[in-house]
Amino acid sequence: MSFDDTPLASGQALALAIEYNGASFHGWQRQGSTDQTVQEALENALGQIANHDVRVACAGRTDAGVHATGQVVSFSAPVTRSLKAWVVGTNAVLPPTVRVHWAHPVPNEFHARFSATERTYRYIWCVRDVRPTSLLKQVTWTRNALCAETMHEAAQSLLGEQDFSAFRAASCQSKSPCREVRAVSVLSYGPFVVMEIRANAFLHHMVRNIAGSLSLVGRGLKPVGWIAELLQGRDRKIAADTAPPDGLYLTEVAYPSVYQLPNAVGGPIFLPLG
């Protein structure tokens, strides 16, 4: 992809697509502590390019250890810079664990979070007898065999607009436990078992809690109908433990076509997916 080097006026609203390896970060959101966050790293880099403080809004705040290949952020450019400067220049000063894939001008009313219509996550297990060193903190390793077909069948009960209290973290601050899951699948690729789930929005820990429960179904420890029972019971205490953050990726955020944003980057490059 080539990047336009035509200067854009200060005050121009921009959307950026961000990829990051979350293993070394204490989550997305900037915090009042010494723990480094993705937001802090990105804003510091953008600030160097602008010679000015920059604050961004993101499509979804990821937890410590969670990764992204398709995070989207928005901000108002405080100075005149080109799209090339915002991408190539920012990447030159970012740590190697964070990258900007594209920058795109958007109307002032655009907001990375509130303008989004869908989010897509992938959760990745690696089923091997020995933990893979090359993918340390990039996948959730298990030596227990997982039946992707059974997990896929069980996951179909998640579809539609429902109360997801059974998969909601106790610390979740959302006003409503209802979300609409629009697509979900579980497939196997060699040693990898991959859950992909798309919804209008997600509750805190919702994907990891679903992954934890589906893994018990995949191991044969719970029946296919258990996920539906959990949804109906709306009791987080009955569901499985929260799955580790290592295998979770935010892969795509969808927006209305009027914004004409570039296509999503896709999932982790070690998988034959999108």
C-alpha atoms as a PDB file:
ATOM      1  CA  MET A   1       0.000   0.000   0.000  1.00  0.00           C
ATOM      2  CA  SER A   2       1.298   3.463  -0.924  1.00  0.00           C
ATOM      3  CA  PHE A   3       0.654   6.396   1.384  1.00  0.00           C
ATOM      4  CA  ASP A   4      -0.355   9.865   0.217  1.00  0.00           C
ATOM      5  CA  ASP A   5       2.222  12.519   1.116  1.00  0.00           C
ATOM      6  CA  THR A   6      -0.137  15.461   0.459  1.00  0.00           C
ATOM      7  CA  PRO A   7      -0.293  17.616   3.615  1.00  0.00           C
ATOM      8  CA  LEU A   8      -3.644  17.611   5.398  1.00  0.00           C
ATOM      9  CA  ALA A   9      -4.838  20.659   7.293  1.00  0.00           C
ATOM     10  CA  SER A  10      -4.617  20.748  11.065  1.00  0.00           C
ATOM     11  CA  GLY A  11      -7.912  19.816  12.649  1.00  0.00           C
ATOM     12  CA  GLN A  12      -8.531  17.044  10.119  1.00  0.00           C
ATOM     13  CA  ALA A  13     -10.191  14.044  11.748  1.00  0.00           C
ATOM     14  CA  LEU A  14      -8.348  10.794  11.068  1.00  0.00           C
ATOM     15  CA  ALA A  15      -8.955   7.076  11.539  1.00  0.00           C
ATOM     16  CA  LEU A  16      -5.997   4.716  11.934  1.00  0.00           C
ATOM     17  CA  ALA A  17      -5.845   0.916  11.808  1.00  0.00           C
ATOM     18  CA  ILE A  18      -3.562  -0.482  14.505  1.00  0.00           C
ATOM     19  CA  GLU A  19      -1.952  -3.875  15.038  1.00  0.00           C
ATOM     20  CA  TYR A  20      -0.288  -4.803  18.305  1.00  0.00           C
ATOM     21  CA  ASN A  21       1.203  -7.677  20.219  1.00  0.00           C
ATOM     22  CA  GLY A  22      -0.391  -7.263  23.616  1.00  0.00           C
ATOM     23  CA  ALA A  23       1.878  -9.642  25.529  1.00  0.00           C
ATOM     24  CA  SER A  24       4.096  -6.878  26.915  1.00  0.00           C
ATOM     25  CA  PHE A  25       1.321  -4.349  27.533  1.00  0.00           C
ATOM     26  CA  HIS A  26      -0.995  -3.833  30.473  1.00  0.00           C
ATOM     27  CA  GLY A  27      -3.984  -3.588  28.160  1.00  0.00           C
ATOM     28  CA  TRP A  28      -5.081  -0.824  25.819  1.00  0.00           C
ATOM     29  CA  GLN A  29      -6.188   1.978  28.130  1.00  0.00           C
ATOM     30  CA  ARG A  30      -3.726   4.554  29.469  1.00  0.00           C
ATOM     31  CA  GLN A  31      -3.488   4.235  33.244  1.00  0.00           C
ATOM     32  CA  GLY A  32      -2.137   6.266  36.104  1.00  0.00           C
ATOM     33  CA  SER A  33       0.641   3.767  36.852  1.00  0.00           C
ATOM     34  CA  THR A  34       4.042   2.694  35.583  1.00  0.00           C
ATOM     35  CA  ASP A  35       2.550  -0.200  33.580  1.00  0.00           C
ATOM     36  CA  GLN A  36       2.884   0.458  29.859  1.00  0.00           C
ATOM     37  CA  THR A  37      -0.289   0.397  27.764  1.00  0.00           C
ATOM     38  CA  VAL A  38      -0.894   0.342  24.014  1.00  0.00           C
ATOM     39  CA  GLN A  39      -2.672   3.703  24.148  1.00  0.00           C
ATOM     40  CA  GLU A  40       0.306   5.291  25.870  1.00  0.00           C
ATOM     41  CA  ALA A  41       2.771   3.900  23.320  1.00  0.00           C
ATOM     42  CA  LEU A  42       0.649   5.030  20.361  1.00  0.00           C
ATOM     43  CA  GLU A  43      -0.136   8.491  21.715  1.00  0.00           C
ATOM     44  CA  ASN A  44       3.513   9.090  22.556  1.00  0.00           C
ATOM     45  CA  ALA A  45       4.533   8.151  19.005  1.00  0.00           C
ATOM     46  CA  LEU A  46       1.834  10.286  17.394  1.00  0.00           C
ATOM     47  CA  GLY A  47       2.880  13.130  19.673  1.00  0.00           C
ATOM     48  CA  GLN A  48       6.433  12.927  18.353  1.00  0.00           C
ATOM     49  CA  ILE A  49       5.199  13.232  14.774  1.00  0.00           C
ATOM     50  CA  ALA A  50       2.920  16.141  15.673  1.00  0.00           C
ATOM     51  CA  ASN A  51       5.260  17.830  18.162  1.00  0.00           C
ATOM     52  CA  HIS A  52       2.049  18.162  20.127  1.00  0.00           C
ATOM     53  CA  ASP A  53       0.002  16.094  22.568  1.00  0.00           C
ATOM     54  CA  VAL A  54      -2.341  13.644  20.827  1.00  0.00           C
ATOM     55  CA  ARG A  55      -5.202  11.716  22.421  1.00  0.00           C
ATOM     56  CA  VAL A  56      -7.047   8.967  20.577  1.00  0.00           C
ATOM     57  CA  ALA A  57     -10.359   7.137  20.925  1.00  0.00           C
ATOM     58  CA  CYS A  58     -10.376   3.398  20.202  1.00  0.00           C
ATOM     59  CA  ALA A  59     -12.960   0.945  18.912  1.00  0.00           C
ATOM     60  CA  GLY A  60     -12.594  -1.413  21.865  1.00  0.00           C
ATOM     61  CA  ARG A  61     -10.410  -1.429  24.975  1.00  0.00           C
ATOM     62  CA  THR A  62      -8.518  -4.714  25.128  1.00  0.00           C
ATOM     63  CA  ASP A  63      -7.286  -6.294  28.364  1.00  0.00           C
ATOM     64  CA  ALA A  64      -3.709  -7.008  29.406  1.00  0.00           C
ATOM     65  CA  GLY A  65      -2.147  -9.626  27.146  1.00  0.00           C
ATOM     66  CA  VAL A  66      -4.813  -9.366  24.425  1.00  0.00           C
ATOM     67  CA  HIS A  67      -3.714  -8.671  20.843  1.00  0.00           C
ATOM     68  CA  ALA A  68      -5.171  -6.833  17.854  1.00  0.00           C
ATOM     69  CA  THR A  69      -4.699  -6.949  14.112  1.00  0.00           C
ATOM     70  CA  GLY A  70      -7.604  -4.627  13.316  1.00  0.00           C
ATOM     71  CA  GLN A  71      -7.965  -2.109  16.126  1.00  0.00           C
ATOM     72  CA  VAL A  72      -9.238   1.280  14.912  1.00  0.00           C
ATOM     73  CA  VAL A  73      -8.545   4.621  16.563  1.00  0.00           C
ATOM     74  CA  SER A  74      -9.607   8.170  15.765  1.00  0.00           C
ATOM     75  CA  PHE A  75      -8.254  11.597  16.607  1.00  0.00           C
ATOM     76  CA  SER A  76      -8.137  15.171  15.368  1.00  0.00           C
ATOM     77  CA  ALA A  77      -4.755  16.069  13.852  1.00  0.00           C
ATOM     78  CA  PRO A  78      -3.343  19.005  15.810  1.00  0.00           C
ATOM     79  CA  VAL A  79      -0.951  20.004  13.001  1.00  0.00           C
ATOM     80  CA  THR A  80      -0.535  19.800   9.227  1.00  0.00           C
ATOM     81  CA  ARG A  81       0.836  16.377   8.298  1.00  0.00           C
ATOM     82  CA  SER A  82       0.347  13.902   5.457  1.00  0.00           C
ATOM     83  CA  LEU A  83      -1.149  10.432   5.683  1.00  0.00           C
ATOM     84  CA  LYS A  84       2.330   9.107   4.945  1.00  0.00           C
ATOM     85  CA  ALA A  85       3.711  10.944   7.973  1.00  0.00           C
ATOM     86  CA  TRP A  86       0.987   9.559  10.230  1.00  0.00           C
ATOM     87  CA  VAL A  87       1.724   5.995   9.080  1.00  0.00           C
ATOM     88  CA  VAL A  88       5.402   5.745   8.135  1.00  0.00           C
ATOM     89  CA  GLY A  89       6.593   8.399  10.577  1.00  0.00           C
ATOM     90  CA  THR A  90       4.619   6.996  13.496  1.00  0.00           C
ATOM     91  CA  ASN A  91       5.823   3.449  12.798  1.00  0.00           C
ATOM     92  CA  ALA A  92       9.413   4.686  12.833  1.00  0.00           C
ATOM     93  CA  VAL A  93       9.108   5.747  16.479  1.00  0.00           C
ATOM     94  CA  LEU A  94       6.679   3.117  17.778  1.00  0.00           C
ATOM     95  CA  PRO A  95       7.979   0.076  19.660  1.00  0.00           C
ATOM     96  CA  PRO A  96       8.170  -3.003  17.372  1.00  0.00           C
ATOM     97  CA  THR A  97       5.120  -4.493  19.100  1.00  0.00           C
ATOM     98  CA  VAL A  98       2.768  -1.816  17.701  1.00  0.00           C
ATOM     99  CA  ARG A  99       2.167  -0.834  14.056  1.00  0.00           C
ATOM    100  CA  VAL A 100      -0.096   1.543  12.145  1.00  0.00           C
ATOM    101  CA  HIS A 101      -1.382  -0.082   8.926  1.00  0.00           C
ATOM    102  CA  TRP A 102      -3.255   2.834   7.393  1.00  0.00           C
ATOM    103  CA  ALA A 103      -4.541   6.324   8.055  1.00  0.00           C
ATOM    104  CA  HIS A 104      -7.702   7.703   6.492  1.00  0.00           C
ATOM    105  CA  PRO A 105      -9.415  11.119   6.682  1.00  0.00           C
ATOM    106  CA  VAL A 106     -12.925  10.991   8.155  1.00  0.00           C
ATOM    107  CA  PRO A 107     -15.669  13.526   8.950  1.00  0.00           C
ATOM    108  CA  ASN A 108     -15.428  15.288  12.292  1.00  0.00           C
ATOM    109  CA  GLU A 109     -18.390  13.327  13.665  1.00  0.00           C
ATOM    110  CA  PHE A 110     -16.568  10.016  13.195  1.00  0.00           C
ATOM    111  CA  HIS A 111     -15.685   8.247  16.446  1.00  0.00           C
ATOM    112  CA  ALA A 112     -13.760   4.967  16.492  1.00  0.00           C
ATOM    113  CA  ARG A 113     -15.990   3.510  19.189  1.00  0.00           C
ATOM    114  CA  PHE A 114     -19.411   5.081  18.737  1.00  0.00           C
ATOM    115  CA  SER A 115     -19.461   4.965  14.921  1.00  0.00           C
ATOM    116  CA  ALA A 116     -18.633   1.229  14.845  1.00  0.00           C
ATOM    117  CA  THR A 117     -21.389  -1.204  13.903  1.00  0.00           C
ATOM    118  CA  GLU A 118     -19.619  -4.532  14.520  1.00  0.00           C
ATOM    119  CA  ARG A 119     -16.508  -6.032  16.081  1.00  0.00           C
ATOM    120  CA  THR A 120     -14.882  -9.352  15.237  1.00  0.00           C
ATOM    121  CA  TYR A 121     -12.622 -11.346  17.541  1.00  0.00           C
ATOM    122  CA  ARG A 122     -10.707 -14.570  17.055  1.00  0.00           C
ATOM    123  CA  TYR A 123      -9.691 -16.861  19.879  1.00  0.00           C
ATOM    124  CA  ILE A 124      -6.909 -19.310  19.072  1.00  0.00           C
ATOM    125  CA  TRP A 125      -5.964 -22.518  20.843  1.00  0.00           C
ATOM    126  CA  CYS A 126      -2.861 -24.488  19.895  1.00  0.00           C
ATOM    127  CA  VAL A 127      -3.299 -28.201  20.600  1.00  0.00           C
ATOM    128  CA  ARG A 128       0.111 -29.823  21.030  1.00  0.00           C
ATOM    129  CA  ASP A 129       1.781 -32.099  23.556  1.00  0.00           C
ATOM    130  CA  VAL A 130       4.506 -29.499  24.127  1.00  0.00           C
ATOM    131  CA  ARG A 131       4.046 -25.739  24.438  1.00  0.00           C
ATOM    132  CA  PRO A 132       5.223 -23.980  21.220  1.00  0.00           C
ATOM    133  CA  THR A 133       8.032 -21.511  21.972  1.00  0.00           C
ATOM    134  CA  SER A 134       7.631 -19.563  18.717  1.00  0.00           C
ATOM    135  CA  LEU A 135       4.065 -18.624  19.616  1.00  0.00           C
ATOM    136  CA  LEU A 136       4.599 -17.936  23.298  1.00  0.00           C
ATOM    137  CA  LYS A 137       1.865 -15.580  24.542  1.00  0.00           C
ATOM    138  CA  GLN A 138       0.359 -15.534  21.015  1.00  0.00           C
ATOM    139  CA  VAL A 139      -1.945 -18.540  21.392  1.00  0.00           C
ATOM    140  CA  THR A 140      -3.561 -20.433  24.233  1.00  0.00           C
ATOM    141  CA  TRP A 141      -1.715 -23.722  24.476  1.00  0.00           C
ATOM    142  CA  THR A 142      -3.440 -26.901  25.564  1.00  0.00           C
ATOM    143  CA  ARG A 143      -2.435 -30.551  25.418  1.00  0.00           C
ATOM    144  CA  ASN A 144      -6.107 -31.560  25.658  1.00  0.00           C
ATOM    145  CA  ALA A 145      -7.677 -32.475  22.319  1.00  0.00           C
ATOM    146  CA  LEU A 146     -10.498 -30.147  21.257  1.00  0.00           C
ATOM    147  CA  CYS A 147     -13.300 -31.189  18.897  1.00  0.00           C
ATOM    148  CA  ALA A 148     -13.882 -28.119  16.722  1.00  0.00           C
ATOM    149  CA  GLU A 149     -17.047 -29.601  15.211  1.00  0.00           C
ATOM    150  CA  THR A 150     -18.677 -30.059  18.621  1.00  0.00           C
ATOM    151  CA  MET A 151     -17.610 -26.589  19.717  1.00  0.00           C
ATOM    152  CA  HIS A 152     -19.018 -25.075  16.523  1.00  0.00           C
ATOM    153  CA  GLU A 153     -22.350 -26.803  17.059  1.00  0.00           C
ATOM    154  CA  ALA A 154     -22.550 -25.598  20.654  1.00  0.00           C
ATOM    155  CA  ALA A 155     -21.584 -22.056  19.682  1.00  0.00           C
ATOM    156  CA  GLN A 156     -24.595 -21.632  17.397  1.00  0.00           C
ATOM    157  CA  SER A 157     -26.776 -21.118  20.465  1.00  0.00           C
ATOM    158  CA  LEU A 158     -24.954 -17.790  20.929  1.00  0.00           C
ATOM    159  CA  LEU A 159     -26.470 -16.291  17.786  1.00  0.00           C
ATOM    160  CA  GLY A 160     -28.983 -13.487  17.980  1.00  0.00           C
ATOM    161  CA  GLU A 161     -29.712 -10.745  20.498  1.00  0.00           C
ATOM    162  CA  GLN A 162     -29.603 -12.279  23.955  1.00  0.00           C
ATOM    163  CA  ASP A 163     -28.776 -11.680  27.586  1.00  0.00           C
ATOM    164  CA  PHE A 164     -25.118 -12.678  28.003  1.00  0.00           C
ATOM    165  CA  SER A 165     -24.972 -12.391  31.800  1.00  0.00           C
ATOM    166  CA  ALA A 166     -23.502 -15.912  31.973  1.00  0.00           C
ATOM    167  CA  PHE A 167     -20.429 -14.643  30.098  1.00  0.00           C
ATOM    168  CA  ARG A 168     -20.137 -11.199  31.651  1.00  0.00           C
ATOM    169  CA  ALA A 169     -17.296 -10.222  33.988  1.00  0.00           C
ATOM    170  CA  ALA A 170     -18.289  -9.076  37.454  1.00  0.00           C
ATOM    171  CA  SER A 171     -16.414  -5.827  36.779  1.00  0.00           C
ATOM    172  CA  CYS A 172     -18.359  -5.104  33.573  1.00  0.00           C
ATOM    173  CA  GLN A 173     -19.715  -1.551  33.609  1.00  0.00           C
ATOM    174  CA  SER A 174     -22.158  -1.903  30.705  1.00  0.00           C
ATOM    175  CA  LYS A 175     -25.711  -0.801  31.496  1.00  0.00           C
ATOM    176  CA  SER A 176     -27.180  -3.825  29.720  1.00  0.00           C
ATOM    177  CA  PRO A 177     -26.065  -7.490  29.475  1.00  0.00           C
ATOM    178  CA  CYS A 178     -27.728  -7.822  26.056  1.00  0.00           C
ATOM    179  CA  ARG A 179     -25.669  -8.077  22.889  1.00  0.00           C
ATOM    180  CA  GLU A 180     -26.327  -9.336  19.364  1.00  0.00           C
ATOM    181  CA  VAL A 181     -23.981 -12.050  18.090  1.00  0.00           C
ATOM    182  CA  ARG A 182     -24.251 -12.035  14.298  1.00  0.00           C
ATOM    183  CA  ALA A 183     -21.850 -14.827  13.373  1.00  0.00           C
ATOM    184  CA  VAL A 184     -19.781 -17.428  15.215  1.00  0.00           C
ATOM    185  CA  SER A 185     -17.717 -20.365  14.030  1.00  0.00           C
ATOM    186  CA  VAL A 186     -15.137 -22.803  15.356  1.00  0.00           C
ATOM    187  CA  LEU A 187     -12.756 -24.391  12.854  1.00  0.00           C
ATOM    188  CA  SER A 188      -9.493 -26.340  13.027  1.00  0.00           C
ATOM    189  CA  TYR A 189      -6.360 -25.515  11.042  1.00  0.00           C
ATOM    190  CA  GLY A 190      -3.600 -28.026  11.676  1.00  0.00           C
ATOM    191  CA  PRO A 191      -2.766 -27.748  15.380  1.00  0.00           C
ATOM    192  CA  PHE A 192      -4.920 -24.624  15.778  1.00  0.00           C
ATOM    193  CA  VAL A 193      -8.563 -24.453  16.819  1.00  0.00           C
ATOM    194  CA  VAL A 194     -10.021 -21.029  16.042  1.00  0.00           C
ATOM    195  CA  MET A 195     -13.213 -19.441  17.274  1.00  0.00           C
ATOM    196  CA  GLU A 196     -14.331 -16.386  15.302  1.00  0.00           C
ATOM    197  CA  ILE A 197     -17.183 -14.338  16.712  1.00  0.00           C
ATOM    198  CA  ARG A 198     -18.788 -11.172  15.360  1.00  0.00           C
ATOM    199  CA  ALA A 199     -21.248  -8.991  17.277  1.00  0.00           C
ATOM    200  CA  ASN A 200     -22.550  -5.452  17.471  1.00  0.00           C
ATOM    201  CA  ALA A 201     -20.545  -5.094  20.704  1.00  0.00           C
ATOM    202  CA  PHE A 202     -19.119  -7.217  23.513  1.00  0.00           C
ATOM    203  CA  LEU A 203     -19.291  -7.218  27.288  1.00  0.00           C
ATOM    204  CA  HIS A 204     -16.162  -7.191  29.426  1.00  0.00           C
ATOM    205  CA  HIS A 205     -14.455 -10.618  29.174  1.00  0.00           C
ATOM    206  CA  MET A 206     -17.378 -11.912  27.100  1.00  0.00           C
ATOM    207  CA  VAL A 207     -15.245 -13.555  24.397  1.00  0.00           C
ATOM    208  CA  ARG A 208     -12.781 -15.098  26.851  1.00  0.00           C
ATOM    209  CA  ASN A 209     -15.622 -16.407  29.019  1.00  0.00           C
ATOM    210  CA  ILE A 210     -17.303 -17.955  25.991  1.00  0.00           C
ATOM    211  CA  ALA A 211     -13.971 -19.479  24.944  1.00  0.00           C
ATOM    212  CA  GLY A 212     -13.462 -20.986  28.382  1.00  0.00           C
ATOM    213  CA  SER A 213     -16.874 -22.659  28.332  1.00  0.00           C
ATOM    214  CA  LEU A 214     -16.604 -23.832  24.724  1.00  0.00           C
ATOM    215  CA  SER A 215     -13.262 -25.472  25.500  1.00  0.00           C
ATOM    216  CA  LEU A 216     -14.984 -27.711  28.064  1.00  0.00           C
ATOM    217  CA  VAL A 217     -17.467 -28.748  25.383  1.00  0.00           C
ATOM    218  CA  GLY A 218     -14.589 -29.385  22.979  1.00  0.00           C
ATOM    219  CA  ARG A 219     -12.881 -31.635  25.525  1.00  0.00           C
ATOM    220  CA  GLY A 220     -16.078 -33.647  26.005  1.00  0.00           C
ATOM    221  CA  LEU A 221     -16.465 -32.535  29.622  1.00  0.00           C
ATOM    222  CA  LYS A 222     -19.759 -30.765  28.897  1.00  0.00           C
ATOM    223  CA  PRO A 223     -22.549 -31.587  26.396  1.00  0.00           C
ATOM    224  CA  VAL A 224     -23.306 -29.553  23.287  1.00  0.00           C
ATOM    225  CA  GLY A 225     -26.434 -28.106  24.895  1.00  0.00           C
ATOM    226  CA  TRP A 226     -24.529 -26.705  27.867  1.00  0.00           C
ATOM    227  CA  ILE A 227     -23.854 -23.312  26.246  1.00  0.00           C
ATOM    228  CA  ALA A 228     -27.590 -22.819  25.654  1.00  0.00           C
ATOM    229  CA  GLU A 229     -28.255 -23.788  29.281  1.00  0.00           C
ATOM    230  CA  LEU A 230     -25.724 -21.223  30.490  1.00  0.00           C
ATOM    231  CA  LEU A 231     -27.370 -18.492  28.442  1.00  0.00           C
ATOM    232  CA  GLN A 232     -30.774 -19.351  29.858  1.00  0.00           C
ATOM    233  CA  GLY A 233     -29.463 -19.533  33.419  1.00  0.00           C
ATOM    234  CA  ARG A 234     -27.713 -16.130  33.215  1.00  0.00           C
ATOM    235  CA  ASP A 235     -25.388 -17.140  36.055  1.00  0.00           C
ATOM    236  CA  ARG A 236     -21.695 -16.386  35.543  1.00  0.00           C
ATOM    237  CA  LYS A 237     -20.754 -18.630  38.464  1.00  0.00           C
ATOM    238  CA  ILE A 238     -21.944 -21.750  36.624  1.00  0.00           C
ATOM    239  CA  ALA A 239     -19.957 -21.114  33.444  1.00  0.00           C
ATOM    240  CA  ALA A 240     -16.293 -22.058  33.003  1.00  0.00           C
ATOM    241  CA  ASP A 241     -13.290 -20.017  34.079  1.00  0.00           C
ATOM    242  CA  THR A 242     -12.185 -17.101  31.924  1.00  0.00           C
ATOM    243  CA  ALA A 243      -9.834 -18.284  29.164  1.00  0.00           C
ATOM    244  CA  PRO A 244      -6.304 -16.794  29.112  1.00  0.00           C
ATOM    245  CA  PRO A 245      -5.744 -13.551  27.166  1.00  0.00           C
ATOM    246  CA  ASP A 246      -2.913 -15.042  25.071  1.00  0.00           C
ATOM    247  CA  GLY A 247      -5.151 -16.422  22.326  1.00  0.00           C
ATOM    248  CA  LEU A 248      -7.479 -13.444  21.872  1.00  0.00           C
ATOM    249  CA  TYR A 249      -7.265 -11.057  18.891  1.00  0.00           C
ATOM    250  CA  LEU A 250      -9.443  -8.108  17.880  1.00  0.00           C
ATOM    251  CA  THR A 251      -9.333  -8.629  14.121  1.00  0.00           C
ATOM    252  CA  GLU A 252     -11.876  -6.283  12.575  1.00  0.00           C
ATOM    253  CA  VAL A 253     -14.120  -3.332  13.329  1.00  0.00           C
ATOM    254  CA  ALA A 254     -16.909  -2.508  10.860  1.00  0.00           C
ATOM    255  CA  TYR A 255     -18.221   0.968  10.049  1.00  0.00           C
ATOM    256  CA  PRO A 256     -20.925   2.350   7.742  1.00  0.00           C
ATOM    257  CA  SER A 257     -19.786   2.412   4.110  1.00  0.00           C
ATOM    258  CA  VAL A 258     -20.177   6.184   3.978  1.00  0.00           C
ATOM    259  CA  TYR A 259     -16.793   6.495   5.715  1.00  0.00           C
ATOM    260  CA  GLN A 260     -15.066   4.483   2.927  1.00  0.00           C
ATOM    261  CA  LEU A 261     -12.432   3.057   5.269  1.00  0.00           C
ATOM    262  CA  PRO A 262      -9.838   0.641   3.850  1.00  0.00           C
ATOM    263  CA  ASN A 263     -10.364  -3.085   4.330  1.00  0.00           C
ATOM    264  CA  ALA A 264      -9.364  -4.773   7.563  1.00  0.00           C
ATOM    265  CA  VAL A 265      -5.830  -6.118   7.745  1.00  0.00           C
ATOM    266  CA  GLY A 266      -7.039  -9.611   8.653  1.00  0.00           C
ATOM    267  CA  GLY A 267      -6.210 -12.082  11.371  1.00  0.00           C
ATOM    268  CA  PRO A 268      -2.856 -13.294  12.703  1.00  0.00           C
ATOM    269  CA  ILE A 269      -0.553 -14.059   9.762  1.00  0.00           C
ATOM    270  CA  PHE A 270       0.305 -17.536  11.057  1.00  0.00           C
ATOM    271  CA  LEU A 271      -3.274 -18.623  10.269  1.00  0.00           C
ATOM    272  CA  PRO A 272      -4.750 -19.241   6.793  1.00  0.00           C
ATOM    273  CA  LEU A 273      -7.631 -16.861   7.522  1.00  0.00           C
ATOM    274  CA  GLY A 274      -8.728 -13.666   5.791  1.00  0.00           C
END
